[in-house]
Amino acid sequence: MPSRVVRWGAPQTVKRCVRMTVASERPDVMDDSINFGLTPEQEAIRETARQFALNEVDPIVEEIDEAQRFPLEVFKKAGELGFLGIIFPEEYGGSGLGYLEYYLVIMELSRVDPSVGLSVAAHNSLCTNHIYKFGSEEQRRRWMVPLARGEKIGAWSLTEPEAGSDAAGTRTQAEKVDGGWLLNGSKTFTTHGSVGDTCVVFAVTDPAAPRHHNISAFVLEAGMEGFRAGKKENKLGTRASDTAEVIMENCLVPEDHLLGERGEGFIQALQILDGGRISIAAMGVGTARGAYETARDYARERKQFQKPIADFQAIGFYLAEMATRIEAAELLSLAAARAMDNGENVSRLAAEAKLLAGETAVFCAERGVQIHGGYGFVKDYRAEKFYRDCKLCTIGEGTSEIQKLVIARRLLARS
């Protein structure tokens, strides 16, 4: 029987919504879905996120995509619900849940709009998580609490025009001066670069130090002198998720804005990216599910030769392969999330999940357009949006090629 889901009137938290939700079978995705081993509480969180996406995001998807508008109103409601601090302790304003619950929320948001899933993911697993993992107690309370509550928006700036996959090639400089550090340089492809309030930025602090121990991480805040947004990118997909340059021009950063130990920023970034890859795996599975469901529903309704095109073997084979790849990607992604919650080393598993989920999203989105035929090429149907959005899943948080490199290194080191 369908679950009774809380309506979005007064602000609720994730945990309160779980208590108010009657967990039941999974939302309709595909027939004879396998049991993913979720608890009733986790099923309730999944359904809560699903209903939030359907009620708050789905009605504005086309508008925010076309206008490339960051949906601040949706973000604020997500913060009230607890989605912007899922994986953090309640003492820091979070929901006190784990990566498995976090995966479920990002997946369900991305199932409706990958742009929203991406933004919620970057806010949680990159910016806020970096402060949580490497910040002092004072830094956590100063910056984490408003981020986890959704009162401020977080950004994380690692990539540069000449330092993408080779993040250790960072050129942004931080010079030690009286009172702190003077930062000069620029970052590109920063999620929330032009709308963020709190930004974690990486810069070279020790030019003479070994390559992987010469970069440090700093917290910068909107409004600091010498710190500003640059060009906002005009993107192929996930257009409602803000992506922009950030620029530092003689930006004086106080000493107490340094995160963790000096020179260890690159090592910190690698640890943060493990969780980030689970985020993109969730986004990939959600995007693939959205593309699959759109194609499945269309195939049931569209008639040619006096019968639904779903009755044709070619279409049935497409849907069968899409469903199979989605279930496999979800199982691997959930395994990575569970391993993270258990405190295990997830570098290889997260890379595998991200690789499979990203490639699955691209496969399902392409097949979805094909099933729609000519209608898949126009904006009247959601298929073309999933087709544009999906490609980021094979690029963000490390390209598919980088994931293969990470996996291969781990396999060879193990043997």
Protein backbone atom coordinates (compact mmCIF):
# COMPACT_ATOMS: atom_id res chain seq x y z
CA MET A 1 0.00 0.00 0.00
CA PRO A 2 1.32 3.50 -0.68
CA SER A 3 2.94 5.37 2.17
CA ARG A 4 1.46 8.39 3.88
CA VAL A 5 3.95 11.21 3.49
CA VAL A 6 4.15 14.44 5.45
CA ARG A 7 3.04 17.54 3.58
CA TRP A 8 5.34 20.52 3.34
CA GLY A 9 3.65 23.09 5.54
CA ALA A 10 5.55 23.86 8.72
CA PRO A 11 9.31 23.21 8.56
CA GLN A 12 10.24 19.63 9.38
CA THR A 13 13.51 17.85 9.95
CA VAL A 14 14.50 14.60 8.30
CA LYS A 15 14.06 12.69 11.54
CA ARG A 16 10.65 14.20 12.29
CA CYS A 17 9.50 13.33 8.79
CA VAL A 18 10.63 9.76 9.32
CA ARG A 19 8.53 9.54 12.44
CA MET A 20 5.56 10.99 10.55
CA THR A 21 5.97 8.71 7.55
CA VAL A 22 4.55 5.22 7.35
CA ALA A 23 7.22 3.21 5.57
CA SER A 24 5.97 0.75 3.00
CA GLU A 25 7.12 -0.69 -0.27
CA ARG A 26 9.58 1.29 -2.37
CA PRO A 27 8.15 3.91 -4.70
CA ASP A 28 7.32 2.47 -8.11
CA VAL A 29 10.57 2.22 -10.01
CA MET A 30 10.58 -1.08 -11.84
CA ASP A 31 8.73 -4.34 -11.45
CA ASP A 32 10.16 -7.01 -9.15
CA SER A 33 12.79 -4.65 -7.73
CA ILE A 34 15.39 -6.36 -5.60
CA ASN A 35 15.56 -5.86 -1.84
CA PHE A 36 18.27 -3.35 -1.06
CA GLY A 37 18.24 -4.18 2.64
CA LEU A 38 16.98 -0.79 3.78
CA THR A 39 15.43 -0.40 7.20
CA PRO A 40 11.89 0.99 7.52
CA GLU A 41 13.42 4.28 8.67
CA GLN A 42 15.67 4.43 5.60
CA GLU A 43 12.74 3.65 3.33
CA ALA A 44 10.86 6.49 5.00
CA ILE A 45 13.73 8.90 4.39
CA ARG A 46 13.84 7.82 0.77
CA GLU A 47 10.12 8.43 0.36
CA THR A 48 10.37 11.77 2.17
CA ALA A 49 13.06 12.92 -0.26
CA ARG A 50 11.02 11.61 -3.17
CA GLN A 51 7.93 13.55 -2.16
CA PHE A 52 9.97 16.70 -1.53
CA ALA A 53 11.44 16.43 -5.03
CA LEU A 54 8.02 15.85 -6.60
CA ASN A 55 6.26 18.62 -4.67
CA GLU A 56 8.94 21.32 -4.52
CA VAL A 57 11.29 20.68 -7.44
CA ASP A 58 9.35 19.00 -10.23
CA PRO A 59 7.00 21.95 -10.92
CA ILE A 60 9.91 24.35 -11.60
CA VAL A 61 12.43 22.06 -13.34
CA GLU A 62 12.00 23.49 -16.83
CA GLU A 63 11.92 27.10 -15.63
CA ILE A 64 15.11 26.98 -13.55
CA ASP A 65 16.92 24.98 -16.24
CA GLU A 66 16.04 27.40 -19.02
CA ALA A 67 16.86 30.47 -16.92
CA GLN A 68 19.95 28.87 -15.37
CA ARG A 69 18.53 30.03 -12.04
CA PHE A 70 19.77 28.64 -8.74
CA PRO A 71 16.55 27.77 -6.83
CA LEU A 72 17.33 29.43 -3.52
CA GLU A 73 13.76 28.90 -2.33
CA VAL A 74 14.13 25.14 -2.76
CA PHE A 75 17.50 25.17 -1.02
CA LYS A 76 16.04 26.97 1.98
CA LYS A 77 13.25 24.41 2.27
CA ALA A 78 15.79 21.60 1.93
CA GLY A 79 17.72 23.19 4.79
CA GLU A 80 14.61 23.35 6.98
CA LEU A 81 14.05 19.67 6.28
CA GLY A 82 17.60 18.75 7.26
CA PHE A 83 18.88 17.79 3.81
CA LEU A 84 21.80 20.23 3.96
CA GLY A 85 23.35 18.63 7.02
CA ILE A 86 22.42 14.99 6.63
CA ILE A 87 25.77 13.41 7.54
CA PHE A 88 26.69 15.69 10.43
CA PRO A 89 26.02 15.40 14.18
CA GLU A 90 23.06 17.24 15.59
CA GLU A 91 25.37 19.26 17.85
CA TYR A 92 26.61 21.01 14.70
CA GLY A 93 23.15 21.59 13.27
CA GLY A 94 23.06 18.36 11.28
CA SER A 95 20.58 15.50 11.05
CA GLY A 96 22.88 12.92 12.64
CA LEU A 97 22.40 10.38 9.85
CA GLY A 98 24.85 8.42 7.72
CA TYR A 99 26.08 8.18 4.15
CA LEU A 100 23.47 5.58 3.27
CA GLU A 101 20.65 7.97 4.14
CA TYR A 102 22.58 10.74 2.39
CA TYR A 103 22.85 8.58 -0.74
CA LEU A 104 19.09 8.02 -0.72
CA VAL A 105 18.32 11.74 -0.52
CA ILE A 106 20.73 12.74 -3.29
CA MET A 107 19.50 9.90 -5.50
CA GLU A 108 15.85 10.85 -5.11
CA LEU A 109 16.50 14.55 -5.73
CA SER A 110 18.51 13.71 -8.85
CA ARG A 111 15.76 11.40 -10.06
CA VAL A 112 13.64 14.55 -10.55
CA ASP A 113 16.35 17.16 -11.22
CA PRO A 114 20.08 16.32 -11.23
CA SER A 115 20.83 20.05 -10.78
CA VAL A 116 19.27 20.07 -7.32
CA GLY A 117 20.88 16.74 -6.43
CA LEU A 118 24.28 18.11 -7.45
CA SER A 119 23.92 21.29 -5.40
CA VAL A 120 22.78 19.50 -2.25
CA ALA A 121 25.63 17.01 -2.70
CA ALA A 122 28.34 19.65 -3.14
CA HIS A 123 27.08 21.60 -0.14
CA ASN A 124 27.14 18.50 2.09
CA SER A 125 30.03 16.33 1.04
CA LEU A 126 32.53 18.95 -0.12
CA CYS A 127 32.37 22.28 1.70
CA THR A 128 30.63 21.36 4.96
CA ASN A 129 32.29 17.96 5.20
CA HIS A 130 35.76 19.46 4.78
CA ILE A 131 35.16 21.81 7.71
CA TYR A 132 33.75 18.94 9.76
CA LYS A 133 36.64 16.58 9.09
CA PHE A 134 39.54 18.99 9.39
CA GLY A 135 38.27 22.06 11.23
CA SER A 136 38.84 22.83 14.88
CA GLU A 137 35.96 22.82 17.33
CA GLU A 138 35.70 26.60 17.06
CA GLN A 139 35.74 26.42 13.24
CA ARG A 140 33.04 23.77 13.22
CA ARG A 141 30.72 25.81 15.39
CA ARG A 142 31.48 28.99 13.51
CA TRP A 143 30.93 27.72 9.95
CA MET A 144 29.34 24.28 10.08
CA VAL A 145 26.23 25.13 12.06
CA PRO A 146 24.80 27.70 9.62
CA LEU A 147 25.80 25.49 6.68
CA ALA A 148 24.19 22.34 8.11
CA ARG A 149 21.01 24.27 8.93
CA GLY A 150 20.82 25.67 5.42
CA GLU A 151 21.24 29.25 6.60
CA LYS A 152 24.32 29.62 4.39
CA ILE A 153 25.39 28.01 1.12
CA GLY A 154 28.72 26.21 0.83
CA ALA A 155 31.26 26.06 -2.00
CA TRP A 156 34.50 24.10 -2.45
CA SER A 157 37.20 25.42 -4.80
CA LEU A 158 39.90 22.99 -5.86
CA THR A 159 39.95 22.99 -9.68
CA GLU A 160 41.93 25.58 -11.64
CA PRO A 161 42.23 26.28 -15.37
CA GLU A 162 45.58 24.43 -15.39
CA ALA A 163 44.91 22.04 -12.50
CA GLY A 164 41.94 19.78 -13.15
CA SER A 165 42.62 16.06 -12.84
CA ASP A 166 46.10 17.06 -11.66
CA ALA A 167 44.88 18.85 -8.55
CA ALA A 168 48.39 18.85 -7.10
CA GLY A 169 49.30 21.31 -9.86
CA THR A 170 47.48 24.12 -8.02
CA ARG A 171 48.91 27.57 -8.75
CA THR A 172 46.87 29.77 -6.42
CA GLN A 173 49.36 31.18 -3.92
CA ALA A 174 49.00 31.92 -0.21
CA GLU A 175 51.76 34.14 1.14
CA LYS A 176 52.31 34.32 4.91
CA VAL A 177 51.93 37.90 6.14
CA ASP A 178 51.24 39.63 9.43
CA GLY A 179 47.78 38.66 10.56
CA GLY A 180 47.32 35.69 8.26
CA TRP A 181 47.70 34.83 4.59
CA LEU A 182 47.51 36.82 1.36
CA LEU A 183 45.79 34.78 -1.37
CA ASN A 184 46.16 35.38 -5.09
CA GLY A 185 44.80 33.21 -7.88
CA SER A 186 41.61 31.87 -9.39
CA LYS A 187 39.53 28.71 -9.33
CA THR A 188 37.17 27.39 -11.96
CA PHE A 189 34.14 25.06 -12.01
CA THR A 190 33.20 25.90 -8.42
CA THR A 191 29.70 24.74 -7.54
CA HIS A 192 27.97 27.73 -5.90
CA GLY A 193 30.85 29.98 -6.91
CA SER A 194 28.56 32.97 -7.40
CA VAL A 195 25.88 32.18 -4.77
CA GLY A 196 27.94 30.65 -1.97
CA ASP A 197 28.44 32.26 1.44
CA THR A 198 31.25 30.02 2.72
CA CYS A 199 33.96 28.64 0.44
CA VAL A 200 36.82 26.22 1.10
CA VAL A 201 39.75 27.26 -1.12
CA PHE A 202 43.05 25.49 -1.76
CA ALA A 203 46.30 27.40 -2.23
CA VAL A 204 50.05 26.72 -2.28
CA THR A 205 51.52 27.72 1.09
CA ASP A 206 54.88 25.96 0.85
CA PRO A 207 56.30 26.19 -2.70
CA ALA A 208 59.52 24.38 -1.75
CA ALA A 209 57.78 21.48 -0.02
CA PRO A 210 57.15 18.08 -1.66
CA ARG A 211 54.45 18.14 -4.35
CA HIS A 212 51.65 16.59 -2.29
CA HIS A 213 52.49 18.49 0.91
CA ASN A 214 52.65 22.08 -0.29
CA ILE A 215 48.95 23.01 -0.44
CA SER A 216 46.69 24.20 2.38
CA ALA A 217 42.94 24.70 2.70
CA PHE A 218 41.31 27.93 3.88
CA VAL A 219 37.77 29.06 4.64
CA LEU A 220 36.81 32.22 2.75
CA GLU A 221 33.56 34.10 3.23
CA ALA A 222 31.51 36.13 0.79
CA GLY A 223 32.23 39.79 1.22
CA MET A 224 35.89 39.41 2.17
CA GLU A 225 37.97 42.10 0.48
CA GLY A 226 39.76 40.69 -2.56
CA PHE A 227 37.49 37.64 -2.85
CA ARG A 228 34.83 37.62 -5.55
CA ALA A 229 32.97 35.48 -8.06
CA GLY A 230 34.17 35.49 -11.65
CA LYS A 231 32.52 34.21 -14.78
CA LYS A 232 29.39 32.13 -14.32
CA GLU A 233 29.58 29.15 -16.66
CA ASN A 234 26.97 28.65 -19.39
CA LYS A 235 26.68 24.89 -19.14
CA LEU A 236 25.36 22.03 -21.25
CA GLY A 237 23.45 20.49 -18.34
CA THR A 238 22.69 20.81 -14.59
CA ARG A 239 22.11 24.45 -15.48
CA ALA A 240 20.23 25.33 -12.30
CA SER A 241 23.23 24.32 -10.19
CA ASP A 242 25.42 27.41 -10.00
CA THR A 243 28.94 26.93 -11.41
CA ALA A 244 31.37 29.83 -11.53
CA GLU A 245 34.94 31.01 -11.14
CA VAL A 246 36.14 32.41 -7.84
CA ILE A 247 38.96 34.93 -7.80
CA MET A 248 41.37 36.00 -5.05
CA GLU A 249 43.21 39.30 -5.54
CA ASN A 250 45.36 40.21 -2.53
CA CYS A 251 42.72 38.61 -0.33
CA LEU A 252 43.83 38.77 3.31
CA VAL A 253 42.71 35.61 5.10
CA PRO A 254 43.09 35.50 8.91
CA GLU A 255 45.23 32.75 10.41
CA ASP A 256 42.24 31.11 12.09
CA HIS A 257 40.74 30.41 8.64
CA LEU A 258 43.38 27.75 7.92
CA LEU A 259 41.80 24.27 7.99
CA GLY A 260 43.87 21.52 9.53
CA GLU A 261 47.63 21.41 9.28
CA ARG A 262 49.56 23.64 6.93
CA GLY A 263 50.66 21.83 3.77
CA GLU A 264 48.15 18.98 4.09
CA GLY A 265 45.38 20.41 1.90
CA PHE A 266 45.93 18.01 -0.98
CA ILE A 267 45.79 14.98 1.33
CA GLN A 268 42.62 16.40 2.86
CA ALA A 269 41.10 16.84 -0.59
CA LEU A 270 41.67 13.18 -1.46
CA GLN A 271 39.75 12.09 1.63
CA ILE A 272 36.92 14.51 0.90
CA LEU A 273 36.68 13.25 -2.68
CA ASP A 274 35.96 9.70 -1.47
CA GLY A 275 32.67 10.93 -0.03
CA GLY A 276 32.17 13.20 -3.03
CA ARG A 277 32.33 10.23 -5.36
CA ILE A 278 29.54 8.52 -3.43
CA SER A 279 27.59 11.74 -3.97
CA ILE A 280 28.08 11.61 -7.73
CA ALA A 281 27.26 7.90 -7.71
CA ALA A 282 23.95 8.81 -6.07
CA MET A 283 23.40 11.54 -8.64
CA GLY A 284 24.23 9.08 -11.43
CA VAL A 285 21.78 6.46 -10.19
CA GLY A 286 19.09 9.09 -9.72
CA THR A 287 19.66 10.52 -13.19
CA ALA A 288 19.55 7.03 -14.68
CA ARG A 289 16.31 6.24 -12.83
CA GLY A 290 14.72 9.48 -13.97
CA ALA A 291 15.69 8.80 -17.58
CA TYR A 292 14.47 5.20 -17.34
CA GLU A 293 11.11 6.12 -15.82
CA THR A 294 10.53 8.86 -18.36
CA ALA A 295 11.25 6.44 -21.20
CA ARG A 296 9.21 3.62 -19.66
CA ASP A 297 6.14 5.79 -19.18
CA TYR A 298 6.44 7.22 -22.68
CA ALA A 299 6.79 3.72 -24.18
CA ARG A 300 3.60 2.64 -22.43
CA GLU A 301 1.65 5.58 -23.81
CA ARG A 302 3.10 6.14 -27.28
CA LYS A 303 1.37 4.06 -29.96
CA GLN A 304 2.63 3.06 -33.37
CA PHE A 305 1.11 0.43 -35.64
CA GLN A 306 -1.94 0.35 -33.34
CA LYS A 307 -0.09 -0.69 -30.16
CA PRO A 308 2.16 0.84 -27.48
CA ILE A 309 5.80 0.92 -28.53
CA ALA A 310 6.60 -0.84 -25.23
CA ASP A 311 5.19 -3.99 -26.86
CA PHE A 312 7.97 -3.99 -29.46
CA GLN A 313 10.90 -6.21 -28.59
CA ALA A 314 13.51 -3.57 -29.45
CA ILE A 315 12.05 -1.15 -26.90
CA GLY A 316 11.64 -3.89 -24.32
CA PHE A 317 15.30 -4.82 -24.70
CA TYR A 318 16.34 -1.19 -24.19
CA LEU A 319 14.31 -0.94 -21.00
CA ALA A 320 15.58 -4.29 -19.73
CA GLU A 321 19.21 -3.28 -20.11
CA MET A 322 18.57 0.13 -18.54
CA ALA A 323 16.90 -1.48 -15.50
CA THR A 324 19.67 -4.04 -15.11
CA ARG A 325 22.43 -1.44 -15.16
CA ILE A 326 20.56 0.79 -12.71
CA GLU A 327 20.09 -2.00 -10.17
CA ALA A 328 23.77 -2.98 -10.44
CA ALA A 329 24.91 0.63 -10.00
CA GLU A 330 22.63 1.09 -7.01
CA LEU A 331 23.90 -2.04 -5.29
CA LEU A 332 27.52 -0.92 -5.72
CA SER A 333 26.71 2.61 -4.58
CA LEU A 334 24.87 1.40 -1.49
CA ALA A 335 27.84 -0.86 -0.69
CA ALA A 336 30.14 2.15 -0.84
CA ALA A 337 27.81 4.18 1.39
CA ARG A 338 27.57 1.37 3.94
CA ALA A 339 31.36 0.96 3.93
CA MET A 340 31.76 4.69 4.58
CA ASP A 341 29.34 4.48 7.50
CA ASN A 342 31.35 1.54 8.89
CA GLY A 343 34.56 3.57 8.82
CA GLU A 344 36.19 1.44 6.13
CA ASN A 345 38.61 2.65 3.45
CA VAL A 346 36.30 3.36 0.53
CA SER A 347 38.69 4.83 -2.06
CA ARG A 348 38.36 1.91 -4.49
CA LEU A 349 34.71 1.15 -3.77
CA ALA A 350 33.65 4.79 -4.10
CA ALA A 351 35.55 5.10 -7.37
CA GLU A 352 33.92 1.91 -8.69
CA ALA A 353 30.46 3.14 -7.68
CA LYS A 354 31.01 6.53 -9.25
CA LEU A 355 32.41 5.00 -12.44
CA LEU A 356 29.54 2.54 -12.91
CA ALA A 357 26.78 4.95 -11.88
CA GLY A 358 28.10 7.73 -14.11
CA GLU A 359 28.41 5.55 -17.16
CA THR A 360 24.97 4.05 -16.39
CA ALA A 361 23.44 7.53 -16.32
CA VAL A 362 24.87 8.29 -19.75
CA PHE A 363 23.69 4.96 -21.15
CA CYS A 364 20.15 5.31 -19.80
CA ALA A 365 19.78 8.93 -20.85
CA GLU A 366 20.91 8.13 -24.39
CA ARG A 367 18.56 5.16 -24.63
CA GLY A 368 15.79 7.31 -23.20
CA VAL A 369 16.14 9.84 -25.99
CA GLN A 370 16.20 7.02 -28.54
CA ILE A 371 12.98 5.56 -27.17
CA HIS A 372 11.33 8.97 -27.45
CA GLY A 373 12.44 9.30 -31.07
CA GLY A 374 11.90 12.82 -32.38
CA TYR A 375 10.18 13.87 -29.16
CA GLY A 376 13.38 13.07 -27.27
CA PHE A 377 15.05 15.91 -29.17
CA VAL A 378 12.70 18.65 -27.99
CA LYS A 379 12.26 20.32 -24.62
CA ASP A 380 8.60 19.38 -24.34
CA TYR A 381 9.75 16.08 -22.86
CA ARG A 382 12.11 15.56 -19.89
CA ALA A 383 14.23 13.03 -21.83
CA GLU A 384 16.43 15.67 -23.46
CA LYS A 385 17.20 17.28 -20.10
CA PHE A 386 18.38 14.01 -18.58
CA TYR A 387 20.51 13.58 -21.71
CA ARG A 388 22.20 16.94 -21.08
CA ASP A 389 22.49 16.49 -17.32
CA CYS A 390 23.92 12.98 -17.30
CA LYS A 391 27.32 13.77 -18.75
CA LEU A 392 28.51 15.58 -15.65
CA CYS A 393 28.34 12.25 -13.82
CA THR A 394 31.35 11.03 -15.83
CA ILE A 395 33.30 14.26 -15.27
CA GLY A 396 32.60 15.77 -11.84
CA GLU A 397 34.60 14.58 -8.79
CA GLY A 398 37.12 13.05 -11.20
CA THR A 399 36.54 11.81 -14.73
CA SER A 400 35.79 8.18 -15.52
CA GLU A 401 39.41 7.84 -16.55
CA ILE A 402 40.60 9.08 -13.15
CA GLN A 403 38.26 6.60 -11.44
CA LYS A 404 39.83 3.77 -13.43
CA LEU A 405 43.26 5.02 -12.40
CA VAL A 406 42.25 5.04 -8.73
CA ILE A 407 40.74 1.56 -8.99
CA ALA A 408 43.75 0.12 -10.82
CA ARG A 409 46.20 1.53 -8.30
CA ARG A 410 44.23 0.07 -5.41
CA LEU A 411 43.98 -3.32 -7.06
CA LEU A 412 47.68 -3.45 -7.84
CA ALA A 413 48.63 -2.25 -4.37
CA ARG A 414 46.44 -4.94 -2.83
CA SER A 415 48.07 -7.70 -4.88
